[in-house]
PDB file of N, CA and C in Angstrom:
ATOM      1  N   GLY A   1     -25.269 -74.211 -49.498  1.00  0.00           N
ATOM      2  CA  GLY A   1     -23.895 -74.625 -49.452  1.00  0.00           C
ATOM      3  C   GLY A   1     -23.461 -74.940 -48.045  1.00  0.00           C
ATOM      4  N   SER A   2     -22.283 -75.370 -47.927  1.00  0.00           N
ATOM      5  CA  SER A   2     -21.706 -75.727 -46.625  1.00  0.00           C
ATOM      6  C   SER A   2     -21.278 -74.475 -45.874  1.00  0.00           C
ATOM      7  N   LEU A   3     -21.398 -74.506 -44.584  1.00  0.00           N
ATOM      8  CA  LEU A   3     -20.958 -73.401 -43.731  1.00  0.00           C
ATOM      9  C   LEU A   3     -19.680 -73.745 -42.997  1.00  0.00           C
ATOM     10  N   GLU A   4     -18.979 -74.794 -43.448  1.00  0.00           N
ATOM     11  CA  GLU A   4     -17.730 -75.180 -42.774  1.00  0.00           C
ATOM     12  C   GLU A   4     -16.599 -74.199 -43.133  1.00  0.00           C
ATOM     13  N   MET A   5     -15.908 -73.760 -42.060  1.00  0.00           N
ATOM     14  CA  MET A   5     -14.784 -72.843 -42.278  1.00  0.00           C
ATOM     15  C   MET A   5     -13.649 -73.196 -41.304  1.00  0.00           C
ATOM     16  N   HIS A   6     -12.435 -72.899 -41.699  1.00  0.00           N
ATOM     17  CA  HIS A   6     -11.283 -73.120 -40.868  1.00  0.00           C
ATOM     18  C   HIS A   6     -10.780 -71.769 -40.329  1.00  0.00           C
ATOM     19  N   PRO A   7     -10.704 -71.598 -39.005  1.00  0.00           N
ATOM     20  CA  PRO A   7     -10.150 -70.355 -38.475  1.00  0.00           C
ATOM     21  C   PRO A   7      -8.653 -70.276 -38.681  1.00  0.00           C
ATOM     22  N   THR A   8      -8.170 -69.105 -38.930  1.00  0.00           N
ATOM     23  CA  THR A   8      -6.717 -68.881 -39.085  1.00  0.00           C
ATOM     24  C   THR A   8      -6.266 -67.944 -37.979  1.00  0.00           C
ATOM     25  N   PHE A   9      -5.282 -68.405 -37.218  1.00  0.00           N
ATOM     26  CA  PHE A   9      -4.811 -67.642 -36.047  1.00  0.00           C
ATOM     27  C   PHE A   9      -3.428 -67.108 -36.309  1.00  0.00           C
ATOM     28  N   LEU A  10      -3.112 -65.996 -35.593  1.00  0.00           N
ATOM     29  CA  LEU A  10      -1.786 -65.361 -35.736  1.00  0.00           C
ATOM     30  C   LEU A  10      -1.292 -65.046 -34.327  1.00  0.00           C
ATOM     31  N   THR A  11      -0.017 -65.236 -34.105  1.00  0.00           N
ATOM     32  CA  THR A  11       0.627 -64.846 -32.834  1.00  0.00           C
ATOM     33  C   THR A  11       2.007 -64.317 -33.170  1.00  0.00           C
ATOM     34  N   ILE A  12       2.718 -63.816 -32.180  1.00  0.00           N
ATOM     35  CA  ILE A  12       4.059 -63.335 -32.391  1.00  0.00           C
ATOM     36  C   ILE A  12       5.043 -64.260 -31.672  1.00  0.00           C
ATOM     37  N   SER A  13       6.239 -64.333 -32.179  1.00  0.00           N
ATOM     38  CA  SER A  13       7.210 -65.301 -31.677  1.00  0.00           C
ATOM     39  C   SER A  13       7.916 -64.928 -30.388  1.00  0.00           C
ATOM     40  N   ASN A  14       7.828 -63.684 -29.965  1.00  0.00           N
ATOM     41  CA  ASN A  14       8.564 -63.347 -28.746  1.00  0.00           C
ATOM     42  C   ASN A  14       7.715 -63.520 -27.474  1.00  0.00           C
ATOM     43  N   ILE A  15       6.555 -64.191 -27.579  1.00  0.00           N
ATOM     44  CA  ILE A  15       5.815 -64.584 -26.395  1.00  0.00           C
ATOM     45  C   ILE A  15       6.305 -65.990 -25.989  1.00  0.00           C
ATOM     46  N   HIS A  16       6.649 -66.154 -24.730  1.00  0.00           N
ATOM     47  CA  HIS A  16       7.157 -67.436 -24.231  1.00  0.00           C
ATOM     48  C   HIS A  16       6.119 -68.532 -24.528  1.00  0.00           C
ATOM     49  N   SER A  17       6.615 -69.714 -24.942  1.00  0.00           N
ATOM     50  CA  SER A  17       5.737 -70.800 -25.360  1.00  0.00           C
ATOM     51  C   SER A  17       4.781 -71.244 -24.260  1.00  0.00           C
ATOM     52  N   GLU A  18       5.190 -71.217 -22.990  1.00  0.00           N
ATOM     53  CA  GLU A  18       4.277 -71.625 -21.879  1.00  0.00           C
ATOM     54  C   GLU A  18       3.118 -70.659 -21.812  1.00  0.00           C
ATOM     55  N   ILE A  19       3.336 -69.389 -22.054  1.00  0.00           N
ATOM     56  CA  ILE A  19       2.254 -68.397 -22.008  1.00  0.00           C
ATOM     57  C   ILE A  19       1.414 -68.506 -23.293  1.00  0.00           C
ATOM     58  N   ARG A  20       2.092 -68.669 -24.418  1.00  0.00           N
ATOM     59  CA  ARG A  20       1.406 -68.655 -25.717  1.00  0.00           C
ATOM     60  C   ARG A  20       0.429 -69.861 -25.788  1.00  0.00           C
ATOM     61  N   MET A  21       0.779 -70.986 -25.215  1.00  0.00           N
ATOM     62  CA  MET A  21      -0.056 -72.178 -25.337  1.00  0.00           C
ATOM     63  C   MET A  21      -1.239 -72.219 -24.376  1.00  0.00           C
ATOM     64  N   LYS A  22      -1.366 -71.277 -23.419  1.00  0.00           N
ATOM     65  CA  LYS A  22      -2.505 -71.247 -22.524  1.00  0.00           C
ATOM     66  C   LYS A  22      -3.625 -70.479 -23.223  1.00  0.00           C
ATOM     67  N   ALA A  23      -4.782 -71.123 -23.288  1.00  0.00           N
ATOM     68  CA  ALA A  23      -5.899 -70.478 -23.971  1.00  0.00           C
ATOM     69  C   ALA A  23      -6.362 -69.171 -23.282  1.00  0.00           C
ATOM     70  N   THR A  24      -6.171 -69.134 -21.960  1.00  0.00           N
ATOM     71  CA  THR A  24      -6.598 -67.960 -21.216  1.00  0.00           C
ATOM     72  C   THR A  24      -5.669 -66.788 -21.376  1.00  0.00           C
ATOM     73  N   SER A  25      -4.504 -66.972 -21.956  1.00  0.00           N
ATOM     74  CA  SER A  25      -3.558 -65.850 -22.155  1.00  0.00           C
ATOM     75  C   SER A  25      -3.918 -64.946 -23.319  1.00  0.00           C
ATOM     76  N   HIS A  26      -4.814 -65.433 -24.208  1.00  0.00           N
ATOM     77  CA  HIS A  26      -5.222 -64.660 -25.385  1.00  0.00           C
ATOM     78  C   HIS A  26      -4.034 -64.212 -26.227  1.00  0.00           C
ATOM     79  N   ALA A  27      -3.067 -65.101 -26.399  1.00  0.00           N
ATOM     80  CA  ALA A  27      -1.848 -64.751 -27.175  1.00  0.00           C
ATOM     81  C   ALA A  27      -2.056 -64.936 -28.658  1.00  0.00           C
ATOM     82  N   TRP A  28      -3.184 -65.578 -29.078  1.00  0.00           N
ATOM     83  CA  TRP A  28      -3.456 -65.789 -30.489  1.00  0.00           C
ATOM     84  C   TRP A  28      -4.630 -64.918 -30.871  1.00  0.00           C
ATOM     85  N   ALA A  29      -4.609 -64.378 -32.091  1.00  0.00           N
ATOM     86  CA  ALA A  29      -5.686 -63.592 -32.645  1.00  0.00           C
ATOM     87  C   ALA A  29      -6.250 -64.314 -33.866  1.00  0.00           C
ATOM     88  N   CYS A  30      -7.561 -64.456 -33.932  1.00  0.00           N
ATOM     89  CA  CYS A  30      -8.171 -65.033 -35.150  1.00  0.00           C
ATOM     90  C   CYS A  30      -8.215 -63.937 -36.177  1.00  0.00           C
ATOM     91  N   ILE A  31      -7.529 -64.161 -37.300  1.00  0.00           N
ATOM     92  CA  ILE A  31      -7.431 -63.140 -38.335  1.00  0.00           C
ATOM     93  C   ILE A  31      -8.342 -63.418 -39.520  1.00  0.00           C
ATOM     94  N   ALA A  32      -8.853 -64.659 -39.617  1.00  0.00           N
ATOM     95  CA  ALA A  32      -9.739 -64.949 -40.751  1.00  0.00           C
ATOM     96  C   ALA A  32     -10.414 -66.298 -40.539  1.00  0.00           C
ATOM     97  N   TYR A  33     -11.525 -66.499 -41.220  1.00  0.00           N
ATOM     98  CA  TYR A  33     -12.153 -67.799 -41.349  1.00  0.00           C
ATOM     99  C   TYR A  33     -12.075 -68.160 -42.831  1.00  0.00           C
ATOM    100  N   ILE A  34     -11.353 -69.213 -43.110  1.00  0.00           N
ATOM    101  CA  ILE A  34     -11.144 -69.630 -44.525  1.00  0.00           C
ATOM    102  C   ILE A  34     -12.267 -70.625 -44.857  1.00  0.00           C
ATOM    103  N   PRO A  35     -13.031 -70.390 -45.892  1.00  0.00           N
ATOM    104  CA  PRO A  35     -14.137 -71.292 -46.273  1.00  0.00           C
ATOM    105  C   PRO A  35     -13.610 -72.618 -46.800  1.00  0.00           C
ATOM    106  N   VAL A  36     -14.386 -73.640 -46.539  1.00  0.00           N
ATOM    107  CA  VAL A  36     -14.120 -74.971 -47.082  1.00  0.00           C
ATOM    108  C   VAL A  36     -15.178 -75.238 -48.112  1.00  0.00           C
ATOM    109  N   PRO A  37     -14.887 -75.031 -49.404  1.00  0.00           N
ATOM    110  CA  PRO A  37     -15.932 -75.204 -50.437  1.00  0.00           C
ATOM    111  C   PRO A  37     -16.227 -76.661 -50.643  1.00  0.00           C
ATOM    112  N   GLU A  38     -17.473 -76.910 -51.052  1.00  0.00           N
ATOM    113  CA  GLU A  38     -17.864 -78.270 -51.434  1.00  0.00           C
ATOM    114  C   GLU A  38     -18.085 -78.285 -52.926  1.00  0.00           C
ATOM    115  N   TYR A  39     -17.414 -79.213 -53.563  1.00  0.00           N
ATOM    116  CA  TYR A  39     -17.516 -79.360 -55.032  1.00  0.00           C
ATOM    117  C   TYR A  39     -18.155 -80.708 -55.343  1.00  0.00           C
ATOM    118  N   ILE A  40     -18.790 -80.816 -56.462  1.00  0.00           N
ATOM    119  CA  ILE A  40     -19.274 -82.113 -56.923  1.00  0.00           C
ATOM    120  C   ILE A  40     -18.033 -82.969 -57.130  1.00  0.00           C
ATOM    121  N   GLU A  41     -18.062 -84.185 -56.637  1.00  0.00           N
ATOM    122  CA  GLU A  41     -16.899 -85.049 -56.775  1.00  0.00           C
ATOM    123  C   GLU A  41     -16.422 -85.102 -58.219  1.00  0.00           C
ATOM    124  N   GLY A  42     -15.195 -84.820 -58.395  1.00  0.00           N
ATOM    125  CA  GLY A  42     -14.621 -84.792 -59.716  1.00  0.00           C
ATOM    126  C   GLY A  42     -13.132 -84.821 -59.655  1.00  0.00           C
ATOM    127  N   GLU A  43     -12.562 -84.842 -60.825  1.00  0.00           N
ATOM    128  CA  GLU A  43     -11.122 -84.953 -60.909  1.00  0.00           C
ATOM    129  C   GLU A  43     -10.375 -83.740 -60.320  1.00  0.00           C
ATOM    130  N   PHE A  44     -10.997 -82.579 -60.341  1.00  0.00           N
ATOM    131  CA  PHE A  44     -10.292 -81.359 -59.945  1.00  0.00           C
ATOM    132  C   PHE A  44     -10.819 -80.738 -58.625  1.00  0.00           C
ATOM    133  N   SER A  45     -11.637 -81.461 -57.864  1.00  0.00           N
ATOM    134  CA  SER A  45     -12.207 -80.877 -56.662  1.00  0.00           C
ATOM    135  C   SER A  45     -11.126 -80.518 -55.629  1.00  0.00           C
ATOM    136  N   GLY A  46     -10.138 -81.411 -55.427  1.00  0.00           N
ATOM    137  CA  GLY A  46      -9.065 -81.124 -54.501  1.00  0.00           C
ATOM    138  C   GLY A  46      -8.193 -79.934 -54.953  1.00  0.00           C
ATOM    139  N   LEU A  47      -7.956 -79.853 -56.243  1.00  0.00           N
ATOM    140  CA  LEU A  47      -7.188 -78.765 -56.789  1.00  0.00           C
ATOM    141  C   LEU A  47      -7.926 -77.443 -56.622  1.00  0.00           C
ATOM    142  N   LEU A  48      -9.240 -77.458 -56.837  1.00  0.00           N
ATOM    143  CA  LEU A  48     -10.036 -76.241 -56.682  1.00  0.00           C
ATOM    144  C   LEU A  48     -10.056 -75.799 -55.207  1.00  0.00           C
ATOM    145  N   GLU A  49     -10.181 -76.752 -54.286  1.00  0.00           N
ATOM    146  CA  GLU A  49     -10.166 -76.461 -52.867  1.00  0.00           C
ATOM    147  C   GLU A  49      -8.821 -75.811 -52.463  1.00  0.00           C
ATOM    148  N   ALA A  50      -7.738 -76.360 -52.949  1.00  0.00           N
ATOM    149  CA  ALA A  50      -6.405 -75.805 -52.631  1.00  0.00           C
ATOM    150  C   ALA A  50      -6.286 -74.391 -53.230  1.00  0.00           C
ATOM    151  N   HIS A  51      -6.793 -74.183 -54.432  1.00  0.00           N
ATOM    152  CA  HIS A  51      -6.718 -72.860 -55.030  1.00  0.00           C
ATOM    153  C   HIS A  51      -7.503 -71.796 -54.243  1.00  0.00           C
ATOM    154  N   VAL A  52      -8.697 -72.174 -53.728  1.00  0.00           N
ATOM    155  CA  VAL A  52      -9.468 -71.246 -52.909  1.00  0.00           C
ATOM    156  C   VAL A  52      -8.695 -70.962 -51.641  1.00  0.00           C
ATOM    157  N   TRP A  53      -8.104 -71.951 -51.009  1.00  0.00           N
ATOM    158  CA  TRP A  53      -7.359 -71.779 -49.747  1.00  0.00           C
ATOM    159  C   TRP A  53      -6.194 -70.816 -50.004  1.00  0.00           C
ATOM    160  N   HIS A  54      -5.398 -71.059 -51.051  1.00  0.00           N
ATOM    161  CA  HIS A  54      -4.244 -70.215 -51.350  1.00  0.00           C
ATOM    162  C   HIS A  54      -4.672 -68.768 -51.683  1.00  0.00           C
ATOM    163  N   LYS A  55      -5.753 -68.568 -52.407  1.00  0.00           N
ATOM    164  CA  LYS A  55      -6.231 -67.218 -52.716  1.00  0.00           C
ATOM    165  C   LYS A  55      -6.671 -66.508 -51.449  1.00  0.00           C
ATOM    166  N   CYS A  56      -7.392 -67.201 -50.566  1.00  0.00           N
ATOM    167  CA  CYS A  56      -7.853 -66.611 -49.303  1.00  0.00           C
ATOM    168  C   CYS A  56      -6.655 -66.212 -48.460  1.00  0.00           C
ATOM    169  N   MET A  57      -5.668 -67.099 -48.317  1.00  0.00           N
ATOM    170  CA  MET A  57      -4.490 -66.754 -47.520  1.00  0.00           C
ATOM    171  C   MET A  57      -3.712 -65.624 -48.122  1.00  0.00           C
ATOM    172  N   ASP A  58      -3.680 -65.550 -49.431  1.00  0.00           N
ATOM    173  CA  ASP A  58      -2.991 -64.426 -50.117  1.00  0.00           C
ATOM    174  C   ASP A  58      -3.675 -63.119 -49.803  1.00  0.00           C
ATOM    175  N   LEU A  59      -5.007 -63.108 -49.757  1.00  0.00           N
ATOM    176  CA  LEU A  59      -5.744 -61.879 -49.453  1.00  0.00           C
ATOM    177  C   LEU A  59      -5.583 -61.517 -47.970  1.00  0.00           C
ATOM    178  N   VAL A  60      -5.677 -62.514 -47.090  1.00  0.00           N
ATOM    179  CA  VAL A  60      -5.618 -62.255 -45.627  1.00  0.00           C
ATOM    180  C   VAL A  60      -4.222 -61.741 -45.237  1.00  0.00           C
ATOM    181  N   LEU A  61      -3.184 -62.299 -45.819  1.00  0.00           N
ATOM    182  CA  LEU A  61      -1.818 -61.950 -45.429  1.00  0.00           C
ATOM    183  C   LEU A  61      -1.195 -60.863 -46.318  1.00  0.00           C
ATOM    184  N   GLN A  62      -1.979 -60.224 -47.143  1.00  0.00           N
ATOM    185  CA  GLN A  62      -1.448 -59.235 -48.052  1.00  0.00           C
ATOM    186  C   GLN A  62      -0.730 -58.086 -47.346  1.00  0.00           C
ATOM    187  N   ASN A  63      -1.321 -57.523 -46.307  1.00  0.00           N
ATOM    188  CA  ASN A  63      -0.653 -56.460 -45.590  1.00  0.00           C
ATOM    189  C   ASN A  63       0.592 -56.922 -44.808  1.00  0.00           C
ATOM    190  N   LEU A  64       0.529 -58.156 -44.325  1.00  0.00           N
ATOM    191  CA  LEU A  64       1.687 -58.724 -43.640  1.00  0.00           C
ATOM    192  C   LEU A  64       2.855 -58.907 -44.621  1.00  0.00           C
ATOM    193  N   LYS A  65       2.571 -59.259 -45.873  1.00  0.00           N
ATOM    194  CA  LYS A  65       3.637 -59.417 -46.837  1.00  0.00           C
ATOM    195  C   LYS A  65       4.261 -58.065 -47.214  1.00  0.00           C
ATOM    196  N   VAL A  66       3.441 -57.022 -47.284  1.00  0.00           N
ATOM    197  CA  VAL A  66       3.935 -55.693 -47.547  1.00  0.00           C
ATOM    198  C   VAL A  66       4.860 -55.231 -46.414  1.00  0.00           C
ATOM    199  N   ALA A  67       4.408 -55.450 -45.173  1.00  0.00           N
ATOM    200  CA  ALA A  67       5.202 -55.041 -43.995  1.00  0.00           C
ATOM    201  C   ALA A  67       6.505 -55.855 -43.921  1.00  0.00           C
ATOM    202  N   ALA A  68       6.478 -57.061 -44.383  1.00  0.00           N
ATOM    203  CA  ALA A  68       7.724 -57.876 -44.373  1.00  0.00           C
ATOM    204  C   ALA A  68       8.704 -57.374 -45.374  1.00  0.00           C
ATOM    205  N   GLY A  69       8.184 -56.825 -46.470  1.00  0.00           N
ATOM    206  CA  GLY A  69       9.093 -56.341 -47.540  1.00  0.00           C
ATOM    207  C   GLY A  69       9.632 -54.962 -47.360  1.00  0.00           C
ATOM    208  N   VAL A  70       8.762 -54.022 -46.972  1.00  0.00           N
ATOM    209  CA  VAL A  70       9.177 -52.616 -46.912  1.00  0.00           C
ATOM    210  C   VAL A  70       9.150 -52.053 -45.480  1.00  0.00           C
ATOM    211  N   GLY A  71       8.614 -52.793 -44.527  1.00  0.00           N
ATOM    212  CA  GLY A  71       8.538 -52.342 -43.176  1.00  0.00           C
ATOM    213  C   GLY A  71       7.286 -51.527 -42.878  1.00  0.00           C
ATOM    214  N   GLU A  72       7.016 -51.358 -41.592  1.00  0.00           N
ATOM    215  CA  GLU A  72       5.823 -50.658 -41.193  1.00  0.00           C
ATOM    216  C   GLU A  72       6.061 -50.075 -39.796  1.00  0.00           C
ATOM    217  N   PHE A  73       5.541 -48.882 -39.488  1.00  0.00           N
ATOM    218  CA  PHE A  73       5.652 -48.351 -38.147  1.00  0.00           C
ATOM    219  C   PHE A  73       4.583 -48.958 -37.269  1.00  0.00           C
ATOM    220  N   MET A  74       4.986 -49.471 -36.097  1.00  0.00           N
ATOM    221  CA  MET A  74       4.082 -50.085 -35.109  1.00  0.00           C
ATOM    222  C   MET A  74       4.475 -49.630 -33.711  1.00  0.00           C
ATOM    223  N   VAL A  75       3.473 -49.693 -32.830  1.00  0.00           N
ATOM    224  CA  VAL A  75       3.711 -49.311 -31.449  1.00  0.00           C
ATOM    225  C   VAL A  75       4.132 -50.535 -30.646  1.00  0.00           C
ATOM    226  N   ASP A  76       5.227 -50.411 -29.864  1.00  0.00           N
ATOM    227  CA  ASP A  76       5.666 -51.516 -28.999  1.00  0.00           C
ATOM    228  C   ASP A  76       4.888 -51.475 -27.694  1.00  0.00           C
ATOM    229  N   PRO A  77       5.070 -52.489 -26.835  1.00  0.00           N
ATOM    230  CA  PRO A  77       4.357 -52.574 -25.534  1.00  0.00           C
ATOM    231  C   PRO A  77       4.574 -51.334 -24.637  1.00  0.00           C
ATOM    232  N   MET A  78       5.675 -50.627 -24.840  1.00  0.00           N
ATOM    233  CA  MET A  78       5.981 -49.440 -24.014  1.00  0.00           C
ATOM    234  C   MET A  78       5.358 -48.154 -24.601  1.00  0.00           C
ATOM    235  N   GLY A  79       4.745 -48.259 -25.726  1.00  0.00           N
ATOM    236  CA  GLY A  79       4.115 -47.098 -26.365  1.00  0.00           C
ATOM    237  C   GLY A  79       4.995 -46.357 -27.332  1.00  0.00           C
ATOM    238  N   CYS A  80       6.189 -46.870 -27.587  1.00  0.00           N
ATOM    239  CA  CYS A  80       7.116 -46.240 -28.523  1.00  0.00           C
ATOM    240  C   CYS A  80       6.862 -46.736 -29.957  1.00  0.00           C
ATOM    241  N   TRP A  81       6.977 -45.828 -30.894  1.00  0.00           N
ATOM    242  CA  TRP A  81       6.863 -46.209 -32.306  1.00  0.00           C
ATOM    243  C   TRP A  81       8.163 -46.885 -32.797  1.00  0.00           C
ATOM    244  N   ARG A  82       8.033 -47.983 -33.488  1.00  0.00           N
ATOM    245  CA  ARG A  82       9.188 -48.719 -34.026  1.00  0.00           C
ATOM    246  C   ARG A  82       8.947 -49.010 -35.522  1.00  0.00           C
ATOM    247  N   TYR A  83      10.002 -48.911 -36.291  1.00  0.00           N
ATOM    248  CA  TYR A  83       9.933 -49.313 -37.724  1.00  0.00           C
ATOM    249  C   TYR A  83      10.216 -50.806 -37.750  1.00  0.00           C
ATOM    250  N   THR A  84       9.214 -51.609 -38.073  1.00  0.00           N
ATOM    251  CA  THR A  84       9.366 -53.072 -37.936  1.00  0.00           C
ATOM    252  C   THR A  84       9.138 -53.780 -39.280  1.00  0.00           C
ATOM    253  N   PHE A  85       9.683 -54.968 -39.357  1.00  0.00           N
ATOM    254  CA  PHE A  85       9.479 -55.863 -40.482  1.00  0.00           C
ATOM    255  C   PHE A  85       8.871 -57.146 -39.895  1.00  0.00           C
ATOM    256  N   THR A  86       7.794 -57.644 -40.533  1.00  0.00           N
ATOM    257  CA  THR A  86       7.040 -58.757 -39.935  1.00  0.00           C
ATOM    258  C   THR A  86       7.057 -59.976 -40.831  1.00  0.00           C
ATOM    259  N   PRO A  87       8.143 -60.695 -40.900  1.00  0.00           N
ATOM    260  CA  PRO A  87       8.145 -61.914 -41.752  1.00  0.00           C
ATOM    261  C   PRO A  87       7.309 -63.009 -41.109  1.00  0.00           C
ATOM    262  N   LEU A  88       6.608 -63.781 -41.944  1.00  0.00           N
ATOM    263  CA  LEU A  88       5.883 -64.968 -41.474  1.00  0.00           C
ATOM    264  C   LEU A  88       6.881 -66.083 -41.434  1.00  0.00           C
ATOM    265  N   VAL A  89       7.164 -66.594 -40.245  1.00  0.00           N
ATOM    266  CA  VAL A  89       8.279 -67.555 -40.093  1.00  0.00           C
ATOM    267  C   VAL A  89       7.822 -68.992 -39.882  1.00  0.00           C
ATOM    268  N   ALA A  90       6.540 -69.204 -39.572  1.00  0.00           N
ATOM    269  CA  ALA A  90       6.090 -70.559 -39.340  1.00  0.00           C
ATOM    270  C   ALA A  90       4.614 -70.719 -39.675  1.00  0.00           C
ATOM    271  N   HIS A  91       4.204 -71.882 -40.064  1.00  0.00           N
ATOM    272  CA  HIS A  91       2.788 -72.191 -40.264  1.00  0.00           C
ATOM    273  C   HIS A  91       2.549 -73.569 -39.688  1.00  0.00           C
ATOM    274  N   ILE A  92       1.662 -73.675 -38.694  1.00  0.00           N
ATOM    275  CA  ILE A  92       1.344 -74.928 -38.075  1.00  0.00           C
ATOM    276  C   ILE A  92       0.130 -75.515 -38.742  1.00  0.00           C
ATOM    277  N   ALA A  93       0.245 -76.772 -39.158  1.00  0.00           N
ATOM    278  CA  ALA A  93      -0.911 -77.432 -39.843  1.00  0.00           C
ATOM    279  C   ALA A  93      -0.839 -78.918 -39.603  1.00  0.00           C
ATOM    280  N   ASP A  94      -1.993 -79.562 -39.657  1.00  0.00           N
ATOM    281  CA  ASP A  94      -2.017 -81.040 -39.597  1.00  0.00           C
ATOM    282  C   ASP A  94      -1.690 -81.595 -40.962  1.00  0.00           C
ATOM    283  N   LEU A  95      -1.496 -82.925 -41.049  1.00  0.00           N
ATOM    284  CA  LEU A  95      -1.031 -83.551 -42.277  1.00  0.00           C
ATOM    285  C   LEU A  95      -1.947 -83.293 -43.496  1.00  0.00           C
ATOM    286  N   PRO A  96      -3.281 -83.442 -43.371  1.00  0.00           N
ATOM    287  CA  PRO A  96      -4.099 -83.142 -44.558  1.00  0.00           C
ATOM    288  C   PRO A  96      -3.972 -81.709 -45.035  1.00  0.00           C
ATOM    289  N   GLU A  97      -3.851 -80.772 -44.086  1.00  0.00           N
ATOM    290  CA  GLU A  97      -3.705 -79.369 -44.474  1.00  0.00           C
ATOM    291  C   GLU A  97      -2.313 -79.175 -45.084  1.00  0.00           C
ATOM    292  N   GLN A  98      -1.305 -79.815 -44.566  1.00  0.00           N
ATOM    293  CA  GLN A  98       0.057 -79.684 -45.146  1.00  0.00           C
ATOM    294  C   GLN A  98       0.090 -80.166 -46.591  1.00  0.00           C
ATOM    295  N   THR A  99      -0.538 -81.283 -46.868  1.00  0.00           N
ATOM    296  CA  THR A  99      -0.524 -81.807 -48.240  1.00  0.00           C
ATOM    297  C   THR A  99      -1.320 -80.907 -49.171  1.00  0.00           C
ATOM    298  N   MET A 100      -2.379 -80.262 -48.672  1.00  0.00           N
ATOM    299  CA  MET A 100      -3.169 -79.324 -49.462  1.00  0.00           C
ATOM    300  C   MET A 100      -2.338 -78.062 -49.742  1.00  0.00           C
ATOM    301  N   ILE A 101      -1.625 -77.605 -48.747  1.00  0.00           N
ATOM    302  CA  ILE A 101      -0.850 -76.350 -48.910  1.00  0.00           C
ATOM    303  C   ILE A 101       0.253 -76.510 -49.969  1.00  0.00           C
ATOM    304  N   VAL A 102       0.939 -77.650 -49.938  1.00  0.00           N
ATOM    305  CA  VAL A 102       2.060 -77.841 -50.876  1.00  0.00           C
ATOM    306  C   VAL A 102       1.585 -78.509 -52.166  1.00  0.00           C
ATOM    307  N   CYS A 103       0.267 -78.736 -52.311  1.00  0.00           N
ATOM    308  CA  CYS A 103      -0.314 -79.256 -53.563  1.00  0.00           C
ATOM    309  C   CYS A 103       0.229 -80.609 -53.970  1.00  0.00           C
ATOM    310  N   VAL A 104       0.271 -81.538 -53.021  1.00  0.00           N
ATOM    311  CA  VAL A 104       0.651 -82.926 -53.351  1.00  0.00           C
ATOM    312  C   VAL A 104      -0.496 -83.839 -52.978  1.00  0.00           C
ATOM    313  N   SER A 105      -0.502 -85.050 -53.492  1.00  0.00           N
ATOM    314  CA  SER A 105      -1.587 -86.021 -53.242  1.00  0.00           C
ATOM    315  C   SER A 105      -1.486 -86.555 -51.774  1.00  0.00           C
ATOM    316  N   LYS A 106      -2.552 -87.188 -51.327  1.00  0.00           N
ATOM    317  CA  LYS A 106      -2.593 -87.715 -49.958  1.00  0.00           C
ATOM    318  C   LYS A 106      -1.502 -88.740 -49.694  1.00  0.00           C
ATOM    319  N   ASN A 107      -1.015 -89.419 -50.712  1.00  0.00           N
ATOM    320  CA  ASN A 107      -0.045 -90.467 -50.560  1.00  0.00           C
ATOM    321  C   ASN A 107       1.407 -89.986 -50.715  1.00  0.00           C
ATOM    322  N   THR A 108       1.627 -88.715 -50.613  1.00  0.00           N
ATOM    323  CA  THR A 108       2.952 -88.142 -50.795  1.00  0.00           C
ATOM    324  C   THR A 108       3.339 -87.338 -49.538  1.00  0.00           C
ATOM    325  N   SER A 109       4.590 -87.367 -49.171  1.00  0.00           N
ATOM    326  CA  SER A 109       5.077 -86.568 -48.056  1.00  0.00           C
ATOM    327  C   SER A 109       5.062 -85.084 -48.431  1.00  0.00           C
ATOM    328  N   PRO A 110       4.579 -84.214 -47.511  1.00  0.00           N
ATOM    329  CA  PRO A 110       4.576 -82.774 -47.823  1.00  0.00           C
ATOM    330  C   PRO A 110       5.963 -82.112 -47.704  1.00  0.00           C
ATOM    331  N   THR A 111       6.946 -82.827 -47.122  1.00  0.00           N
ATOM    332  CA  THR A 111       8.249 -82.194 -46.915  1.00  0.00           C
ATOM    333  C   THR A 111       9.389 -82.881 -47.653  1.00  0.00           C
ATOM    334  N   THR A 112       9.142 -84.072 -48.242  1.00  0.00           N
ATOM    335  CA  THR A 112      10.192 -84.763 -48.997  1.00  0.00           C
ATOM    336  C   THR A 112       9.617 -85.200 -50.309  1.00  0.00           C
ATOM    337  N   LEU A 113      10.430 -85.891 -51.105  1.00  0.00           N
ATOM    338  CA  LEU A 113       9.976 -86.424 -52.399  1.00  0.00           C
ATOM    339  C   LEU A 113       9.466 -87.870 -52.253  1.00  0.00           C
ATOM    340  N   ALA A 114       9.307 -88.375 -51.019  1.00  0.00           N
ATOM    341  CA  ALA A 114       8.923 -89.765 -50.785  1.00  0.00           C
ATOM    342  C   ALA A 114       7.474 -89.999 -51.115  1.00  0.00           C
ATOM    343  N   MET A 115       7.189 -91.132 -51.728  1.00  0.00           N
ATOM    344  CA  MET A 115       5.825 -91.552 -51.997  1.00  0.00           C
ATOM    345  C   MET A 115       5.388 -92.570 -50.935  1.00  0.00           C
ATOM    346  N   GLN A 116       4.123 -92.938 -50.877  1.00  0.00           N
ATOM    347  CA  GLN A 116       3.642 -93.815 -49.821  1.00  0.00           C
ATOM    348  C   GLN A 116       4.386 -95.150 -49.748  1.00  0.00           C
ATOM    349  N   ALA A 117       4.733 -95.730 -50.876  1.00  0.00           N
ATOM    350  CA  ALA A 117       5.443 -97.003 -50.903  1.00  0.00           C
ATOM    351  C   ALA A 117       6.809 -96.906 -50.267  1.00  0.00           C
ATOM    352  N   GLN A 118       7.363 -95.727 -50.195  1.00  0.00           N
ATOM    353  CA  GLN A 118       8.711 -95.506 -49.626  1.00  0.00           C
ATOM    354  C   GLN A 118       8.679 -95.132 -48.138  1.00  0.00           C
ATOM    355  N   PHE A 119       7.475 -94.961 -47.589  1.00  0.00           N
ATOM    356  CA  PHE A 119       7.366 -94.550 -46.177  1.00  0.00           C
ATOM    357  C   PHE A 119       7.915 -95.578 -45.202  1.00  0.00           C
ATOM    358  N   GLY A 120       7.841 -96.865 -45.579  1.00  0.00           N
ATOM    359  CA  GLY A 120       8.379 -97.897 -44.687  1.00  0.00           C
ATOM    360  C   GLY A 120       7.442 -98.614 -43.837  1.00  0.00           C
TER     361      GLY A 120
END
């Protein structure tokens, strides 16, 4: 099978963007490698790929979803324990990944109801 995988990174929002975007600052943590399955070309290969991606993300972010709902004790940079809630507030993706995440075809906008003929 294929060994192609997509890394999934996580960062926190209170790091200044100039620092966060420098590779040497190590502000991002790789939390998972999501497999890219290869299917025999067929009517449902794209749907199956999206299902695998969603299931993997569900498993990887399971603890984060619990912490967002009921909270979790974590240590802050000063060493003090804080009761925190960790909502996932953004997901950065390119256009093919966006269309796969929202389960629409390649010719449809991932954020509106517009079809390719309406793009202009």
